[in-house]
C-alpha atoms as a PDB file:
ATOM      1  CA  MET A   1       0.000   0.000   0.000  1.00  0.00           C
ATOM      2  CA  PRO A   2       1.459   3.389  -0.949  1.00  0.00           C
ATOM      3  CA  GLU A   3       2.465   5.743   1.870  1.00  0.00           C
ATOM      4  CA  ARG A   4      -0.037   8.549   2.305  1.00  0.00           C
ATOM      5  CA  LEU A   5       1.555  11.968   2.308  1.00  0.00           C
ATOM      6  CA  PRO A   6       0.262  14.431   4.925  1.00  0.00           C
ATOM      7  CA  SER A   7      -1.647  17.413   3.703  1.00  0.00           C
ATOM      8  CA  PRO A   8       0.321  20.683   3.659  1.00  0.00           C
ATOM      9  CA  VAL A   9      -2.728  22.234   5.336  1.00  0.00           C
ATOM     10  CA  ALA A  10      -2.473  20.004   8.456  1.00  0.00           C
ATOM     11  CA  PRO A  11       0.160  22.125  10.260  1.00  0.00           C
ATOM     12  CA  LEU A  12      -1.891  25.238   9.556  1.00  0.00           C
ATOM     13  CA  VAL A  13      -5.039  23.629  10.998  1.00  0.00           C
ATOM     14  CA  VAL A  14      -3.181  22.449  14.116  1.00  0.00           C
ATOM     15  CA  GLY A  15      -1.628  25.891  14.550  1.00  0.00           C
ATOM     16  CA  LEU A  16      -5.018  27.558  14.159  1.00  0.00           C
ATOM     17  CA  LEU A  17      -6.620  25.259  16.741  1.00  0.00           C
ATOM     18  CA  VAL A  18      -3.811  25.894  19.241  1.00  0.00           C
ATOM     19  CA  ALA A  19      -4.073  29.651  18.608  1.00  0.00           C
ATOM     20  CA  VAL A  20      -7.845  29.605  19.220  1.00  0.00           C
ATOM     21  CA  LEU A  21      -7.293  27.672  22.458  1.00  0.00           C
ATOM     22  CA  GLY A  22      -4.729  30.290  23.487  1.00  0.00           C
ATOM     23  CA  LEU A  23      -7.154  33.129  22.801  1.00  0.00           C
ATOM     24  CA  LEU A  24      -9.867  31.428  24.846  1.00  0.00           C
ATOM     25  CA  LEU A  25      -7.521  30.895  27.795  1.00  0.00           C
ATOM     26  CA  TRP A  26      -6.294  34.474  27.555  1.00  0.00           C
ATOM     27  CA  SER A  27      -9.761  36.024  27.464  1.00  0.00           C
ATOM     28  CA  ALA A  28     -11.535  33.750  29.986  1.00  0.00           C
ATOM     29  CA  PRO A  29     -10.691  35.749  33.135  1.00  0.00           C
ATOM     30  CA  LEU A  30     -11.624  39.017  31.407  1.00  0.00           C
ATOM     31  CA  ARG A  31     -15.244  38.069  30.737  1.00  0.00           C
ATOM     32  CA  PRO A  32     -17.702  37.596  33.598  1.00  0.00           C
ATOM     33  CA  ALA A  33     -20.144  34.722  33.308  1.00  0.00           C
ATOM     34  CA  LEU A  34     -23.679  36.020  33.016  1.00  0.00           C
ATOM     35  CA  ALA A  35     -26.522  35.056  35.307  1.00  0.00           C
ATOM     36  CA  TYR A  36     -29.924  36.659  35.430  1.00  0.00           C
ATOM     37  CA  ALA A  37     -32.075  37.857  38.292  1.00  0.00           C
ATOM     38  CA  SER A  38     -34.450  40.712  38.966  1.00  0.00           C
ATOM     39  CA  CYS A  39     -35.644  42.861  41.816  1.00  0.00           C
ATOM     40  CA  ALA A  40     -38.726  41.518  43.593  1.00  0.00           C
ATOM     41  CA  SER A  41     -40.304  44.910  44.298  1.00  0.00           C
ATOM     42  CA  GLY A  42     -40.579  48.110  42.285  1.00  0.00           C
ATOM     43  CA  SER A  43     -39.100  50.656  44.696  1.00  0.00           C
ATOM     44  CA  PRO A  44     -36.221  49.870  47.040  1.00  0.00           C
ATOM     45  CA  SER A  45     -36.672  50.471  50.744  1.00  0.00           C
ATOM     46  CA  GLY A  46     -34.131  51.822  53.189  1.00  0.00           C
ATOM     47  CA  SER A  47     -31.906  49.514  55.196  1.00  0.00           C
ATOM     48  CA  PRO A  48     -31.562  49.458  58.989  1.00  0.00           C
ATOM     49  CA  TYR A  49     -27.801  49.114  58.321  1.00  0.00           C
ATOM     50  CA  ALA A  50     -27.472  52.280  56.179  1.00  0.00           C
ATOM     51  CA  PHE A  51     -24.288  54.339  56.243  1.00  0.00           C
ATOM     52  CA  THR A  52     -22.501  56.886  54.074  1.00  0.00           C
ATOM     53  CA  GLY A  53     -18.958  56.844  52.788  1.00  0.00           C
ATOM     54  CA  ILE A  54     -16.513  57.387  49.939  1.00  0.00           C
ATOM     55  CA  VAL A  55     -15.331  54.598  47.637  1.00  0.00           C
ATOM     56  CA  THR A  56     -11.521  54.603  47.761  1.00  0.00           C
ATOM     57  CA  ALA A  57     -10.862  51.537  45.570  1.00  0.00           C
ATOM     58  CA  THR A  58     -12.758  49.015  43.451  1.00  0.00           C
ATOM     59  CA  ASP A  59     -12.221  45.527  42.100  1.00  0.00           C
ATOM     60  CA  TRP A  60     -14.330  42.939  40.247  1.00  0.00           C
ATOM     61  CA  GLN A  61     -15.017  45.464  37.453  1.00  0.00           C
ATOM     62  CA  GLY A  62     -16.333  48.020  39.951  1.00  0.00           C
ATOM     63  CA  ARG A  63     -18.620  45.605  41.831  1.00  0.00           C
ATOM     64  CA  LEU A  64     -16.403  45.284  44.931  1.00  0.00           C
ATOM     65  CA  ALA A  65     -15.737  48.553  46.742  1.00  0.00           C
ATOM     66  CA  THR A  66     -13.396  49.564  49.535  1.00  0.00           C
ATOM     67  CA  VAL A  67     -15.204  52.333  51.400  1.00  0.00           C
ATOM     68  CA  ARG A  68     -14.061  54.859  53.970  1.00  0.00           C
ATOM     69  CA  THR A  69     -17.223  55.499  55.993  1.00  0.00           C
ATOM     70  CA  ASP A  70     -18.104  58.886  57.453  1.00  0.00           C
ATOM     71  CA  ALA A  71     -17.540  57.223  60.851  1.00  0.00           C
ATOM     72  CA  GLY A  72     -13.880  56.654  59.877  1.00  0.00           C
ATOM     73  CA  GLN A  73     -13.997  52.880  59.327  1.00  0.00           C
ATOM     74  CA  THR A  74     -12.752  51.125  56.206  1.00  0.00           C
ATOM     75  CA  VAL A  75     -15.237  48.500  55.010  1.00  0.00           C
ATOM     76  CA  THR A  76     -15.895  46.368  51.946  1.00  0.00           C
ATOM     77  CA  VAL A  77     -19.143  46.498  49.972  1.00  0.00           C
ATOM     78  CA  ARG A  78     -20.017  43.773  47.459  1.00  0.00           C
ATOM     79  CA  GLY A  79     -22.347  45.040  44.743  1.00  0.00           C
ATOM     80  CA  THR A  80     -23.145  41.587  43.405  1.00  0.00           C
ATOM     81  CA  PRO A  81     -24.720  38.421  44.728  1.00  0.00           C
ATOM     82  CA  GLY A  82     -22.305  36.542  42.468  1.00  0.00           C
ATOM     83  CA  GLY A  83     -18.575  36.220  42.744  1.00  0.00           C
ATOM     84  CA  LYS A  84     -15.528  37.747  41.129  1.00  0.00           C
ATOM     85  CA  ASN A  85     -16.051  36.222  37.679  1.00  0.00           C
ATOM     86  CA  SER A  86     -19.821  36.345  37.438  1.00  0.00           C
ATOM     87  CA  ALA A  87     -22.323  39.035  36.589  1.00  0.00           C
ATOM     88  CA  THR A  88     -26.065  39.332  37.221  1.00  0.00           C
ATOM     89  CA  SER A  89     -28.788  41.751  36.207  1.00  0.00           C
ATOM     90  CA  VAL A  90     -28.842  43.167  39.763  1.00  0.00           C
ATOM     91  CA  ASP A  91     -25.139  44.028  40.021  1.00  0.00           C
ATOM     92  CA  ARG A  92     -24.282  47.490  41.277  1.00  0.00           C
ATOM     93  CA  SER A  93     -21.018  49.126  40.219  1.00  0.00           C
ATOM     94  CA  TYR A  94     -19.218  51.759  42.237  1.00  0.00           C
ATOM     95  CA  GLU A  95     -16.957  54.640  41.192  1.00  0.00           C
ATOM     96  CA  VAL A  96     -13.724  55.493  42.970  1.00  0.00           C
ATOM     97  CA  GLY A  97     -14.288  58.912  44.506  1.00  0.00           C
ATOM     98  CA  GLY A  98     -18.033  58.419  44.644  1.00  0.00           C
ATOM     99  CA  ARG A  99     -19.736  59.400  47.900  1.00  0.00           C
ATOM    100  CA  TYR A 100     -22.614  56.994  48.480  1.00  0.00           C
ATOM    101  CA  GLU A 101     -25.456  56.428  50.869  1.00  0.00           C
ATOM    102  CA  PHE A 102     -25.270  52.648  51.233  1.00  0.00           C
ATOM    103  CA  HIS A 103     -28.294  50.492  52.125  1.00  0.00           C
ATOM    104  CA  PRO A 104     -26.809  46.988  52.477  1.00  0.00           C
ATOM    105  CA  VAL A 105     -28.815  43.874  53.287  1.00  0.00           C
ATOM    106  CA  ASN A 106     -26.528  42.772  56.145  1.00  0.00           C
ATOM    107  CA  ALA A 107     -25.079  44.366  59.268  1.00  0.00           C
ATOM    108  CA  SER A 108     -21.304  43.991  58.848  1.00  0.00           C
ATOM    109  CA  SER A 109     -18.397  44.090  56.398  1.00  0.00           C
ATOM    110  CA  PRO A 110     -18.246  42.711  53.816  1.00  0.00           C
ATOM    111  CA  TYR A 111     -21.593  44.395  53.223  1.00  0.00           C
ATOM    112  CA  GLU A 112     -23.871  42.891  50.580  1.00  0.00           C
ATOM    113  CA  ASP A 113     -25.488  45.372  48.210  1.00  0.00           C
ATOM    114  CA  ASN A 114     -27.102  45.170  44.787  1.00  0.00           C
ATOM    115  CA  ASP A 115     -29.098  47.215  42.308  1.00  0.00           C
ATOM    116  CA  CYS A 116     -32.339  46.423  44.156  1.00  0.00           C
ATOM    117  CA  THR A 117     -31.368  48.308  47.329  1.00  0.00           C
ATOM    118  CA  ALA A 118     -31.812  52.025  48.027  1.00  0.00           C
ATOM    119  CA  THR A 119     -28.055  52.704  47.754  1.00  0.00           C
ATOM    120  CA  ARG A 120     -27.424  55.888  45.802  1.00  0.00           C
ATOM    121  CA  LEU A 121     -24.569  58.087  44.618  1.00  0.00           C
ATOM    122  CA  LEU A 122     -24.559  61.411  46.488  1.00  0.00           C
ATOM    123  CA  GLY A 123     -21.664  63.047  44.647  1.00  0.00           C
ATOM    124  CA  ARG A 124     -18.026  62.738  43.667  1.00  0.00           C
ATOM    125  CA  VAL A 125     -14.887  63.770  45.550  1.00  0.00           C
ATOM    126  CA  ALA A 126     -11.160  63.590  44.900  1.00  0.00           C
ATOM    127  CA  VAL A 127      -9.611  60.543  46.514  1.00  0.00           C
ATOM    128  CA  PRO A 128      -5.941  60.594  47.549  1.00  0.00           C
ATOM    129  CA  PRO A 129      -3.806  57.737  46.222  1.00  0.00           C
ATOM    130  CA  PRO A 130      -3.968  54.577  48.346  1.00  0.00           C
ATOM    131  CA  ALA A 131      -1.363  53.954  51.020  1.00  0.00           C
ATOM    132  CA  GLU A 132       1.376  51.406  50.351  1.00  0.00           C
ATOM    133  CA  GLY A 133      -0.108  47.903  50.195  1.00  0.00           C
ATOM    134  CA  GLN A 134      -3.704  49.081  49.712  1.00  0.00           C
ATOM    135  CA  PRO A 135      -5.758  48.004  46.667  1.00  0.00           C
ATOM    136  CA  THR A 136      -5.804  50.315  43.657  1.00  0.00           C
ATOM    137  CA  ALA A 137      -8.785  51.517  41.648  1.00  0.00           C
ATOM    138  CA  GLY A 138      -8.440  48.646  39.215  1.00  0.00           C
ATOM    139  CA  GLY A 139      -7.689  46.005  41.813  1.00  0.00           C
ATOM    140  CA  GLN A 140      -5.348  43.154  41.040  1.00  0.00           C
ATOM    141  CA  PRO A 141      -4.918  41.878  37.484  1.00  0.00           C
ATOM    142  CA  LYS A 142      -7.482  39.233  36.616  1.00  0.00           C
ATOM    143  CA  GLY A 143      -5.948  35.786  36.317  1.00  0.00           C
ATOM    144  CA  PRO A 144      -2.356  36.732  35.423  1.00  0.00           C
ATOM    145  CA  GLY A 145      -1.257  33.078  35.394  1.00  0.00           C
ATOM    146  CA  LEU A 146      -4.030  32.027  33.041  1.00  0.00           C
ATOM    147  CA  ILE A 147      -3.307  34.989  30.774  1.00  0.00           C
ATOM    148  CA  ALA A 148       0.376  34.019  30.597  1.00  0.00           C
ATOM    149  CA  ILE A 149      -0.558  30.434  29.698  1.00  0.00           C
ATOM    150  CA  GLY A 150      -2.946  31.707  27.030  1.00  0.00           C
ATOM    151  CA  VAL A 151      -0.282  33.920  25.468  1.00  0.00           C
ATOM    152  CA  LEU A 152       2.193  31.017  25.486  1.00  0.00           C
ATOM    153  CA  VAL A 153      -0.300  28.652  23.823  1.00  0.00           C
ATOM    154  CA  LEU A 154      -1.118  31.358  21.263  1.00  0.00           C
ATOM    155  CA  ALA A 155       2.582  31.797  20.453  1.00  0.00           C
ATOM    156  CA  ILE A 156       3.040  28.028  20.061  1.00  0.00           C
ATOM    157  CA  GLY A 157       0.031  27.907  17.756  1.00  0.00           C
ATOM    158  CA  VAL A 158       1.423  30.660  15.562  1.00  0.00           C
ATOM    159  CA  TYR A 159       4.825  28.939  15.496  1.00  0.00           C
ATOM    160  CA  ILE A 160       3.309  25.590  14.505  1.00  0.00           C
ATOM    161  CA  GLY A 161       1.153  27.219  11.862  1.00  0.00           C
ATOM    162  CA  ARG A 162       4.145  28.941  10.290  1.00  0.00           C
ATOM    163  CA  ARG A 163       6.834  26.268  10.669  1.00  0.00           C
ATOM    164  CA  GLY A 164       4.890  23.028  10.545  1.00  0.00           C
ATOM    165  CA  ILE A 165       4.643  20.279  13.124  1.00  0.00           C
ATOM    166  CA  PRO A 166       8.023  19.531  14.795  1.00  0.00           C
ATOM    167  CA  GLY A 167       9.556  16.209  13.740  1.00  0.00           C
ATOM    168  CA  ARG A 168       8.112  16.211  10.242  1.00  0.00           C
ATOM    169  CA  ALA A 169      10.269  16.693   7.210  1.00  0.00           C
ATOM    170  CA  PRO A 170       9.532  19.917   5.322  1.00  0.00           C
ATOM    171  CA  GLY A 171       7.113  19.456   2.450  1.00  0.00           C
ATOM    172  CA  ARG A 172       5.682  16.221   3.840  1.00  0.00           C
END
């Protein structure tokens, strides 16, 4: 039986598949998974745990806020019932420098908040840069290890697509 020669397109297909895998790994931590919910009542009511304060830093795409309260405490407010890499229709985002009247659903930090509560933006103020070791406005990079792996896989895919599969003779 005659030996079947590999298609010259095979290395390109393998390279393309590896590159697509690399792109998916690279972009996965940047996209929140969507979930859906809605507010049970039309108008939000006040909370017995209400307080006011200024957002000094955010993370989770603005849904996790570090807040300096008017009472001088530093607390955390979660504006989502989901986690870091999820998103729902009731998520509330916060702005660094925003002065808010918070109406959380629980009594202590980390406070739970969402778009169905009476929390509201009162105004904006200048926020001094965070002290050494404090979170920044953007928070920590999302999944730096996974991004590095994705970039590496993408580079390997491009290399394979351009050079062919290692161990094969050129033109075969």
